[in-house]
Amino acid sequence: MGVQQHSFDVSSSNGQRLSLAVITVICLSSFLFWPYAENTLYISIKYLVFTACCGFFLWQFYRLRHWRCQFVLNADGGGKLNRCMDFVLTGKPVITPFAVMFDIVLMGKIKRLVLWADMLDDTNYRHLCRLLQLAYQGQCR
C-alpha cells in the first residue's frame, strides 16, 4: 500500500487578511504610546518610522492579494512545494478549528507555514489536518 498524499492549492483568505489587519492595528497603535517631546528631530524620526510602517503594511496587503501556494503533502511527512521544491515536516503541528501551523525543512532551512481554515474547503482542511497528524505520529515512532 502506498503512502497517502494529497495536493493542496491555497490562496489568501479573509482570515489571513484579518490577522494582518490586527497585527497592523497593534503595531500602529504603539505609536500612541511614544513619549511626548517637542524636539523637531524626535518628531521627524517618529513620523518617518510611522510612515515606513504604514508603507510596509500597505505593501504586505498588496502582496497578500496575489499570494498563492501549491503543495503536495504525504502521510510520511514529505512533500513538494510549488511542484518543484522538496520539503520535510518537522516538529509537532498546531491544529485548531481556525488555522493550522506547521514547520517544514526547505533547502536546509526551517520555515513556518500558517494556513487558515477558510483557505481550503472543509474536506481539504480535514485531509490536511489528518496528514499532518499521521506525519507527526510517524516521526514519533
N, C-alpha and C. Protein backbone atom coordinates (compact mmCIF):
# COMPACT_ATOMS: atom_id res chain seq x y z
N MET A 1 0.84 -1.18 0.00
CA MET A 1 0.00 0.00 0.00
C MET A 1 0.88 1.24 0.00
N GLY A 2 0.57 2.22 -0.85
CA GLY A 2 1.37 3.43 -0.96
C GLY A 2 1.09 4.40 0.18
N VAL A 3 1.95 5.38 0.25
CA VAL A 3 1.81 6.42 1.25
C VAL A 3 0.69 7.37 0.83
N GLN A 4 -0.18 7.74 1.79
CA GLN A 4 -1.26 8.67 1.49
C GLN A 4 -0.68 10.05 1.18
N GLN A 5 -1.23 10.68 0.18
CA GLN A 5 -0.80 12.03 -0.17
C GLN A 5 -2.00 12.82 -0.69
N HIS A 6 -1.87 14.12 -0.63
CA HIS A 6 -2.95 14.98 -1.09
C HIS A 6 -2.34 16.27 -1.60
N SER A 7 -2.93 16.81 -2.65
CA SER A 7 -2.46 18.06 -3.23
C SER A 7 -3.34 19.21 -2.73
N PHE A 8 -2.70 20.32 -2.38
CA PHE A 8 -3.41 21.49 -1.87
C PHE A 8 -3.02 22.71 -2.70
N ASP A 9 -4.00 23.52 -2.99
CA ASP A 9 -3.79 24.79 -3.69
C ASP A 9 -4.51 25.86 -2.88
N VAL A 10 -3.75 26.68 -2.18
CA VAL A 10 -4.34 27.68 -1.29
C VAL A 10 -3.99 29.08 -1.78
N SER A 11 -4.90 30.00 -1.51
CA SER A 11 -4.65 31.41 -1.81
C SER A 11 -5.09 32.22 -0.59
N SER A 12 -4.82 33.50 -0.62
CA SER A 12 -5.11 34.33 0.55
C SER A 12 -6.59 34.27 0.90
N SER A 13 -6.86 34.44 2.18
CA SER A 13 -8.23 34.28 2.68
C SER A 13 -8.60 35.46 3.57
N ASN A 14 -9.87 35.50 3.93
CA ASN A 14 -10.33 36.55 4.83
C ASN A 14 -9.68 36.44 6.20
N GLY A 15 -9.48 35.22 6.69
CA GLY A 15 -8.81 35.03 7.98
C GLY A 15 -7.38 35.55 7.96
N GLN A 16 -6.70 35.34 6.87
CA GLN A 16 -5.32 35.83 6.72
C GLN A 16 -5.30 37.35 6.66
N ARG A 17 -6.22 37.93 5.92
CA ARG A 17 -6.29 39.40 5.85
C ARG A 17 -6.67 40.00 7.20
N LEU A 18 -7.59 39.36 7.91
CA LEU A 18 -7.98 39.84 9.23
C LEU A 18 -6.81 39.78 10.20
N SER A 19 -6.05 38.70 10.16
CA SER A 19 -4.86 38.58 11.03
C SER A 19 -3.85 39.68 10.73
N LEU A 20 -3.62 39.95 9.46
CA LEU A 20 -2.70 41.03 9.10
C LEU A 20 -3.24 42.38 9.55
N ALA A 21 -4.55 42.57 9.46
CA ALA A 21 -5.15 43.83 9.91
C ALA A 21 -4.98 44.01 11.41
N VAL A 22 -5.16 42.94 12.17
CA VAL A 22 -5.00 43.01 13.63
C VAL A 22 -3.55 43.34 13.99
N ILE A 23 -2.60 42.69 13.33
CA ILE A 23 -1.18 42.97 13.59
C ILE A 23 -0.86 44.42 13.22
N THR A 24 -1.43 44.89 12.11
CA THR A 24 -1.21 46.28 11.68
C THR A 24 -1.72 47.26 12.72
N VAL A 25 -2.94 47.04 13.21
CA VAL A 25 -3.52 47.94 14.22
C VAL A 25 -2.70 47.93 15.50
N ILE A 26 -2.25 46.76 15.92
CA ILE A 26 -1.44 46.68 17.14
C ILE A 26 -0.12 47.44 16.96
N CYS A 27 0.54 47.22 15.84
CA CYS A 27 1.83 47.90 15.62
C CYS A 27 1.66 49.41 15.48
N LEU A 28 0.67 49.83 14.71
CA LEU A 28 0.49 51.27 14.51
C LEU A 28 -0.04 51.98 15.75
N SER A 29 -0.82 51.27 16.57
CA SER A 29 -1.31 51.90 17.80
C SER A 29 -0.19 52.09 18.82
N SER A 30 0.90 51.36 18.66
CA SER A 30 2.02 51.55 19.59
C SER A 30 2.62 52.95 19.47
N PHE A 31 2.39 53.62 18.36
CA PHE A 31 2.89 54.99 18.21
C PHE A 31 2.16 55.96 19.15
N LEU A 32 0.98 55.60 19.61
CA LEU A 32 0.27 56.44 20.57
C LEU A 32 0.97 56.48 21.93
N PHE A 33 1.79 55.47 22.20
CA PHE A 33 2.45 55.37 23.50
C PHE A 33 3.87 55.91 23.50
N TRP A 34 4.32 56.43 22.38
CA TRP A 34 5.63 57.07 22.36
C TRP A 34 5.55 58.31 23.25
N PRO A 35 6.59 58.60 23.98
CA PRO A 35 6.55 59.77 24.86
C PRO A 35 6.46 61.07 24.06
N TYR A 36 5.82 62.05 24.67
CA TYR A 36 5.67 63.35 24.03
C TYR A 36 6.98 64.13 24.14
N ALA A 37 7.36 64.77 23.07
CA ALA A 37 8.54 65.63 23.08
C ALA A 37 8.37 66.69 22.00
N GLU A 38 8.92 67.86 22.25
CA GLU A 38 8.82 68.94 21.28
C GLU A 38 10.08 69.06 20.43
N ASN A 39 10.97 68.13 20.55
CA ASN A 39 12.20 68.12 19.79
C ASN A 39 11.87 67.81 18.32
N THR A 40 12.30 68.66 17.41
CA THR A 40 11.99 68.50 15.99
C THR A 40 12.59 67.22 15.42
N LEU A 41 13.80 66.88 15.83
CA LEU A 41 14.44 65.66 15.34
C LEU A 41 13.65 64.43 15.80
N TYR A 42 13.25 64.42 17.06
CA TYR A 42 12.46 63.31 17.61
C TYR A 42 11.13 63.15 16.85
N ILE A 43 10.44 64.26 16.64
CA ILE A 43 9.15 64.22 15.93
C ILE A 43 9.35 63.75 14.49
N SER A 44 10.42 64.20 13.86
CA SER A 44 10.72 63.78 12.48
C SER A 44 10.97 62.28 12.41
N ILE A 45 11.76 61.77 13.35
CA ILE A 45 12.06 60.33 13.38
C ILE A 45 10.78 59.54 13.64
N LYS A 46 9.96 60.01 14.57
CA LYS A 46 8.71 59.32 14.89
C LYS A 46 7.81 59.21 13.65
N TYR A 47 7.63 60.32 12.93
CA TYR A 47 6.77 60.28 11.75
C TYR A 47 7.40 59.53 10.58
N LEU A 48 8.71 59.55 10.51
CA LEU A 48 9.40 58.77 9.48
C LEU A 48 9.20 57.27 9.72
N VAL A 49 9.36 56.84 10.98
CA VAL A 49 9.16 55.43 11.32
C VAL A 49 7.69 55.05 11.11
N PHE A 50 6.77 55.93 11.50
CA PHE A 50 5.34 55.67 11.31
C PHE A 50 5.02 55.53 9.82
N THR A 51 5.55 56.40 9.00
CA THR A 51 5.33 56.33 7.56
C THR A 51 5.92 55.05 6.97
N ALA A 52 7.11 54.67 7.44
CA ALA A 52 7.73 53.43 6.97
C ALA A 52 6.88 52.22 7.35
N CYS A 53 6.34 52.20 8.57
CA CYS A 53 5.48 51.10 8.99
C CYS A 53 4.20 51.05 8.17
N CYS A 54 3.60 52.21 7.93
CA CYS A 54 2.39 52.25 7.09
C CYS A 54 2.69 51.72 5.69
N GLY A 55 3.81 52.15 5.13
CA GLY A 55 4.21 51.66 3.81
C GLY A 55 4.44 50.17 3.79
N PHE A 56 5.10 49.65 4.83
CA PHE A 56 5.34 48.22 4.93
C PHE A 56 4.04 47.43 4.96
N PHE A 57 3.09 47.86 5.81
CA PHE A 57 1.84 47.13 5.92
C PHE A 57 0.98 47.27 4.67
N LEU A 58 1.01 48.41 4.02
CA LEU A 58 0.30 48.54 2.74
C LEU A 58 0.88 47.61 1.69
N TRP A 59 2.21 47.49 1.67
CA TRP A 59 2.88 46.58 0.75
C TRP A 59 2.49 45.13 1.05
N GLN A 60 2.40 44.78 2.34
CA GLN A 60 2.01 43.43 2.70
C GLN A 60 0.57 43.13 2.27
N PHE A 61 -0.34 44.09 2.45
CA PHE A 61 -1.72 43.90 1.98
C PHE A 61 -1.77 43.73 0.47
N TYR A 62 -0.97 44.50 -0.25
CA TYR A 62 -0.92 44.38 -1.70
C TYR A 62 -0.41 42.99 -2.11
N ARG A 63 0.69 42.56 -1.48
CA ARG A 63 1.25 41.24 -1.81
C ARG A 63 0.28 40.12 -1.45
N LEU A 64 -0.48 40.30 -0.39
CA LEU A 64 -1.42 39.28 0.06
C LEU A 64 -2.54 39.06 -0.96
N ARG A 65 -2.89 40.11 -1.71
CA ARG A 65 -3.93 39.96 -2.73
C ARG A 65 -3.53 38.93 -3.78
N HIS A 66 -2.25 38.78 -4.04
CA HIS A 66 -1.77 37.89 -5.10
C HIS A 66 -1.08 36.64 -4.56
N TRP A 67 -1.15 36.41 -3.25
CA TRP A 67 -0.46 35.28 -2.65
C TRP A 67 -1.15 33.96 -3.00
N ARG A 68 -0.34 32.96 -3.30
CA ARG A 68 -0.86 31.63 -3.64
C ARG A 68 0.23 30.61 -3.30
N CYS A 69 -0.19 29.44 -2.87
CA CYS A 69 0.75 28.38 -2.53
C CYS A 69 0.16 27.04 -2.95
N GLN A 70 0.98 26.25 -3.62
CA GLN A 70 0.58 24.89 -4.01
C GLN A 70 1.58 23.93 -3.40
N PHE A 71 1.05 22.88 -2.79
CA PHE A 71 1.95 21.87 -2.24
C PHE A 71 1.25 20.52 -2.19
N VAL A 72 2.09 19.49 -2.19
CA VAL A 72 1.63 18.11 -2.04
C VAL A 72 2.22 17.61 -0.73
N LEU A 73 1.38 17.00 0.10
CA LEU A 73 1.81 16.51 1.40
C LEU A 73 1.57 15.01 1.49
N ASN A 74 2.58 14.28 1.93
CA ASN A 74 2.48 12.83 2.13
C ASN A 74 2.29 12.54 3.61
N ALA A 75 1.69 11.40 3.90
CA ALA A 75 1.47 10.99 5.29
C ALA A 75 2.78 10.67 5.99
N ASP A 76 3.86 10.45 5.23
CA ASP A 76 5.15 10.17 5.87
C ASP A 76 5.92 11.46 6.22
N GLY A 77 5.34 12.61 5.92
CA GLY A 77 5.96 13.88 6.30
C GLY A 77 6.71 14.58 5.19
N GLY A 78 6.77 13.98 4.03
CA GLY A 78 7.46 14.61 2.91
C GLY A 78 6.47 15.32 2.01
N GLY A 79 7.00 16.11 1.10
CA GLY A 79 6.12 16.78 0.16
C GLY A 79 6.88 17.64 -0.82
N LYS A 80 6.13 18.28 -1.68
CA LYS A 80 6.69 19.20 -2.67
C LYS A 80 5.96 20.52 -2.57
N LEU A 81 6.73 21.59 -2.57
CA LEU A 81 6.19 22.94 -2.52
C LEU A 81 6.25 23.54 -3.92
N ASN A 82 5.14 24.06 -4.39
CA ASN A 82 5.04 24.64 -5.73
C ASN A 82 5.54 23.69 -6.82
N ARG A 83 5.29 22.41 -6.62
CA ARG A 83 5.58 21.33 -7.57
C ARG A 83 7.06 21.08 -7.86
N CYS A 84 7.97 21.77 -7.16
CA CYS A 84 9.37 21.55 -7.52
C CYS A 84 10.31 21.44 -6.32
N MET A 85 10.02 22.06 -5.21
CA MET A 85 10.95 22.05 -4.08
C MET A 85 10.49 21.03 -3.04
N ASP A 86 11.36 20.06 -2.76
CA ASP A 86 11.05 19.05 -1.76
C ASP A 86 11.16 19.64 -0.37
N PHE A 87 10.26 19.20 0.52
CA PHE A 87 10.33 19.61 1.92
C PHE A 87 9.99 18.43 2.81
N VAL A 88 10.34 18.57 4.09
CA VAL A 88 10.04 17.55 5.09
C VAL A 88 9.43 18.26 6.29
N LEU A 89 8.36 17.69 6.82
CA LEU A 89 7.75 18.25 8.03
C LEU A 89 8.66 18.02 9.22
N THR A 90 8.68 18.98 10.13
CA THR A 90 9.46 18.83 11.35
C THR A 90 8.64 19.39 12.51
N GLY A 91 8.81 18.81 13.67
CA GLY A 91 8.11 19.29 14.85
C GLY A 91 6.64 18.89 14.86
N LYS A 92 5.98 19.32 15.93
CA LYS A 92 4.57 19.00 16.11
C LYS A 92 3.71 20.10 15.51
N PRO A 93 2.75 19.72 14.66
CA PRO A 93 1.86 20.75 14.10
C PRO A 93 0.86 21.24 15.15
N VAL A 94 0.47 22.49 15.04
CA VAL A 94 -0.57 23.06 15.90
C VAL A 94 -1.84 23.12 15.06
N ILE A 95 -2.83 22.35 15.48
CA ILE A 95 -4.06 22.22 14.71
C ILE A 95 -5.22 22.76 15.54
N THR A 96 -5.92 23.73 14.98
CA THR A 96 -7.11 24.30 15.62
C THR A 96 -8.23 24.33 14.59
N PRO A 97 -9.46 24.58 15.03
CA PRO A 97 -10.55 24.70 14.05
C PRO A 97 -10.41 25.91 13.13
N PHE A 98 -9.58 26.89 13.51
CA PHE A 98 -9.46 28.13 12.74
C PHE A 98 -8.23 28.16 11.83
N ALA A 99 -7.16 27.51 12.26
CA ALA A 99 -5.91 27.55 11.49
C ALA A 99 -5.05 26.36 11.87
N VAL A 100 -4.09 26.07 11.01
CA VAL A 100 -3.11 25.03 11.28
C VAL A 100 -1.72 25.65 11.06
N MET A 101 -0.80 25.33 11.94
CA MET A 101 0.56 25.86 11.84
C MET A 101 1.53 24.68 11.93
N PHE A 102 2.46 24.64 10.98
CA PHE A 102 3.44 23.56 10.98
C PHE A 102 4.75 24.06 10.39
N ASP A 103 5.83 23.37 10.74
CA ASP A 103 7.16 23.74 10.27
C ASP A 103 7.62 22.74 9.22
N ILE A 104 8.31 23.26 8.22
CA ILE A 104 8.90 22.40 7.19
C ILE A 104 10.38 22.74 7.07
N VAL A 105 11.15 21.75 6.65
CA VAL A 105 12.56 21.97 6.33
C VAL A 105 12.63 22.05 4.81
N LEU A 106 13.02 23.22 4.33
CA LEU A 106 13.06 23.51 2.91
C LEU A 106 14.45 24.03 2.58
N MET A 107 15.18 23.31 1.77
CA MET A 107 16.55 23.68 1.37
C MET A 107 17.43 23.94 2.60
N GLY A 108 17.29 23.10 3.62
CA GLY A 108 18.13 23.20 4.81
C GLY A 108 17.68 24.24 5.82
N LYS A 109 16.61 24.96 5.54
CA LYS A 109 16.13 25.99 6.47
C LYS A 109 14.73 25.62 6.95
N ILE A 110 14.44 25.94 8.21
CA ILE A 110 13.12 25.68 8.76
C ILE A 110 12.22 26.88 8.46
N LYS A 111 11.09 26.58 7.86
CA LYS A 111 10.08 27.61 7.53
C LYS A 111 8.78 27.25 8.23
N ARG A 112 8.06 28.24 8.71
CA ARG A 112 6.77 28.02 9.36
C ARG A 112 5.65 28.40 8.40
N LEU A 113 4.70 27.50 8.26
CA LEU A 113 3.53 27.77 7.44
C LEU A 113 2.30 27.86 8.34
N VAL A 114 1.50 28.87 8.12
CA VAL A 114 0.23 29.03 8.81
C VAL A 114 -0.85 29.07 7.74
N LEU A 115 -1.77 28.14 7.82
CA LEU A 115 -2.87 28.08 6.88
C LEU A 115 -4.18 28.22 7.64
N TRP A 116 -4.99 29.19 7.23
CA TRP A 116 -6.28 29.40 7.88
C TRP A 116 -7.30 28.44 7.28
N ALA A 117 -8.28 28.07 8.07
CA ALA A 117 -9.27 27.08 7.65
C ALA A 117 -10.06 27.54 6.43
N ASP A 118 -10.26 28.86 6.30
CA ASP A 118 -11.05 29.34 5.16
C ASP A 118 -10.25 29.41 3.86
N MET A 119 -9.00 28.98 3.88
CA MET A 119 -8.21 28.88 2.65
C MET A 119 -8.58 27.63 1.87
N LEU A 120 -9.15 26.66 2.57
CA LEU A 120 -9.49 25.38 1.96
C LEU A 120 -10.96 25.08 2.24
N ASP A 121 -11.54 24.22 1.42
CA ASP A 121 -12.89 23.77 1.77
C ASP A 121 -12.77 22.81 2.95
N ASP A 122 -13.90 22.49 3.54
CA ASP A 122 -13.91 21.71 4.78
C ASP A 122 -13.24 20.34 4.62
N THR A 123 -13.50 19.67 3.51
CA THR A 123 -12.92 18.34 3.28
C THR A 123 -11.40 18.42 3.16
N ASN A 124 -10.90 19.37 2.38
CA ASN A 124 -9.44 19.51 2.22
C ASN A 124 -8.77 19.91 3.52
N TYR A 125 -9.43 20.76 4.32
CA TYR A 125 -8.85 21.14 5.61
C TYR A 125 -8.73 19.92 6.52
N ARG A 126 -9.74 19.06 6.53
CA ARG A 126 -9.67 17.84 7.34
C ARG A 126 -8.59 16.89 6.82
N HIS A 127 -8.44 16.80 5.49
CA HIS A 127 -7.35 15.98 4.91
C HIS A 127 -5.99 16.51 5.35
N LEU A 128 -5.82 17.82 5.29
CA LEU A 128 -4.55 18.42 5.70
C LEU A 128 -4.26 18.11 7.16
N CYS A 129 -5.24 18.30 8.03
CA CYS A 129 -5.03 18.03 9.46
C CYS A 129 -4.71 16.55 9.70
N ARG A 130 -5.41 15.67 9.01
CA ARG A 130 -5.17 14.22 9.16
C ARG A 130 -3.76 13.86 8.70
N LEU A 131 -3.34 14.38 7.55
CA LEU A 131 -1.99 14.08 7.05
C LEU A 131 -0.91 14.63 7.98
N LEU A 132 -1.13 15.81 8.53
CA LEU A 132 -0.16 16.37 9.48
C LEU A 132 -0.07 15.50 10.74
N GLN A 133 -1.21 15.03 11.22
CA GLN A 133 -1.20 14.15 12.40
C GLN A 133 -0.50 12.83 12.09
N LEU A 134 -0.78 12.24 10.94
CA LEU A 134 -0.12 10.99 10.56
C LEU A 134 1.39 11.18 10.43
N ALA A 135 1.80 12.28 9.83
CA ALA A 135 3.23 12.55 9.67
C ALA A 135 3.90 12.72 11.02
N TYR A 136 3.25 13.43 11.94
CA TYR A 136 3.84 13.63 13.28
C TYR A 136 3.92 12.31 14.03
N GLN A 137 2.87 11.49 13.95
CA GLN A 137 2.89 10.19 14.62
C GLN A 137 3.98 9.30 14.03
N GLY A 138 4.21 9.41 12.72
CA GLY A 138 5.29 8.65 12.09
C GLY A 138 6.67 9.11 12.54
N GLN A 139 6.83 10.40 12.85
CA GLN A 139 8.10 10.92 13.35
C GLN A 139 8.39 10.41 14.75
N CYS A 140 7.34 10.24 15.54
CA CYS A 140 7.50 9.85 16.95
C CYS A 140 7.87 8.39 17.10
N ARG A 141 7.63 7.59 16.09
CA ARG A 141 7.92 6.14 16.20
C ARG A 141 9.36 5.84 16.02
